[in-house]
Amino acid sequence: MPDEYYYNIATGQVEQGKVSDWANRLGPYATREEAQHALEKARARSQAWEDEERTERS
């Protein structure tokens, strides 16, 4: 859909619609601003998963 936004991890750019290959996209996001913060959100989720795994192993 053209009204969805994606973050392209290869270029670091926000794209409107499915412009690039799926392997380079994070999303979809409802707004351009959400897509601009895609890497921050992905890092936070990864950190939360790592913390959860560490807690489960303890």
C-alpha atoms as a PDB file:
ATOM      1  CA  MET A   1       0.000   0.000   0.000  1.00  0.00           C
ATOM      2  CA  PRO A   2       1.392   3.402  -0.878  1.00  0.00           C
ATOM      3  CA  ASP A   3       0.201   4.968   2.394  1.00  0.00           C
ATOM      4  CA  GLU A   4       2.523   2.729   4.432  1.00  0.00           C
ATOM      5  CA  TYR A   5       6.099   3.660   5.254  1.00  0.00           C
ATOM      6  CA  TYR A   6       9.168   1.456   5.462  1.00  0.00           C
ATOM      7  CA  TYR A   7      12.692   1.964   6.700  1.00  0.00           C
ATOM      8  CA  ASN A   8      15.330   0.775   4.244  1.00  0.00           C
ATOM      9  CA  ILE A   9      18.234  -0.633   6.266  1.00  0.00           C
ATOM     10  CA  ALA A  10      20.569  -0.593   3.261  1.00  0.00           C
ATOM     11  CA  THR A  11      20.144   3.115   2.490  1.00  0.00           C
ATOM     12  CA  GLY A  12      18.963   4.467   5.858  1.00  0.00           C
ATOM     13  CA  GLN A  13      16.044   6.132   4.103  1.00  0.00           C
ATOM     14  CA  VAL A  14      12.304   6.073   4.722  1.00  0.00           C
ATOM     15  CA  GLU A  15      10.305   4.919   1.714  1.00  0.00           C
ATOM     16  CA  GLN A  16       6.615   5.291   1.017  1.00  0.00           C
ATOM     17  CA  GLY A  17       5.233   1.957  -0.169  1.00  0.00           C
ATOM     18  CA  LYS A  18       7.114  -1.233  -0.985  1.00  0.00           C
ATOM     19  CA  VAL A  19       9.881   0.351  -3.034  1.00  0.00           C
ATOM     20  CA  SER A  20      12.853  -1.796  -2.094  1.00  0.00           C
ATOM     21  CA  ASP A  21      13.402  -5.527  -1.652  1.00  0.00           C
ATOM     22  CA  TRP A  22      11.793  -7.074   1.434  1.00  0.00           C
ATOM     23  CA  ALA A  23      15.215  -8.100   2.781  1.00  0.00           C
ATOM     24  CA  ASN A  24      16.131  -4.419   3.234  1.00  0.00           C
ATOM     25  CA  ARG A  25      12.835  -3.182   4.708  1.00  0.00           C
ATOM     26  CA  LEU A  26      11.569  -2.720   8.234  1.00  0.00           C
ATOM     27  CA  GLY A  27       7.879  -2.024   8.513  1.00  0.00           C
ATOM     28  CA  PRO A  28       5.226  -1.230   7.582  1.00  0.00           C
ATOM     29  CA  TYR A  29       4.668   1.850   9.708  1.00  0.00           C
ATOM     30  CA  ALA A  30       1.649   4.142   9.646  1.00  0.00           C
ATOM     31  CA  THR A  31       3.681   7.353   9.533  1.00  0.00           C
ATOM     32  CA  ARG A  32       6.995   8.579   8.182  1.00  0.00           C
ATOM     33  CA  GLU A  33       8.080   9.507  11.708  1.00  0.00           C
ATOM     34  CA  GLU A  34       7.473   5.976  13.003  1.00  0.00           C
ATOM     35  CA  ALA A  35       9.554   4.589  10.144  1.00  0.00           C
ATOM     36  CA  GLN A  36      12.370   7.041  10.934  1.00  0.00           C
ATOM     37  CA  HIS A  37      12.623   5.473  14.402  1.00  0.00           C
ATOM     38  CA  ALA A  38      12.512   1.868  13.169  1.00  0.00           C
ATOM     39  CA  LEU A  39      16.107   1.036  14.130  1.00  0.00           C
ATOM     40  CA  GLU A  40      15.662   2.422  17.637  1.00  0.00           C
ATOM     41  CA  LYS A  41      12.556   0.313  18.092  1.00  0.00           C
ATOM     42  CA  ALA A  42      14.272  -2.802  16.735  1.00  0.00           C
ATOM     43  CA  ARG A  43      17.262  -2.277  19.049  1.00  0.00           C
ATOM     44  CA  ALA A  44      14.977  -1.861  22.060  1.00  0.00           C
ATOM     45  CA  ARG A  45      13.101  -5.058  21.215  1.00  0.00           C
ATOM     46  CA  SER A  46      16.327  -6.986  20.757  1.00  0.00           C
ATOM     47  CA  GLN A  47      17.633  -5.732  24.087  1.00  0.00           C
ATOM     48  CA  ALA A  48      14.384  -6.710  25.814  1.00  0.00           C
ATOM     49  CA  TRP A  49      14.589 -10.224  24.330  1.00  0.00           C
ATOM     50  CA  GLU A  50      18.217 -10.567  25.430  1.00  0.00           C
ATOM     51  CA  ASP A  51      17.324  -9.416  28.939  1.00  0.00           C
ATOM     52  CA  GLU A  52      14.433 -11.877  29.059  1.00  0.00           C
ATOM     53  CA  GLU A  53      16.649 -14.769  27.932  1.00  0.00           C
ATOM     54  CA  ARG A  54      19.289 -13.833  30.487  1.00  0.00           C
ATOM     55  CA  THR A  55      16.640 -13.815  33.233  1.00  0.00           C
ATOM     56  CA  GLU A  56      15.255 -17.194  32.144  1.00  0.00           C
ATOM     57  CA  ARG A  57      18.748 -18.741  32.276  1.00  0.00           C
ATOM     58  CA  SER A  58      19.363 -17.457  35.805  1.00  0.00           C
END
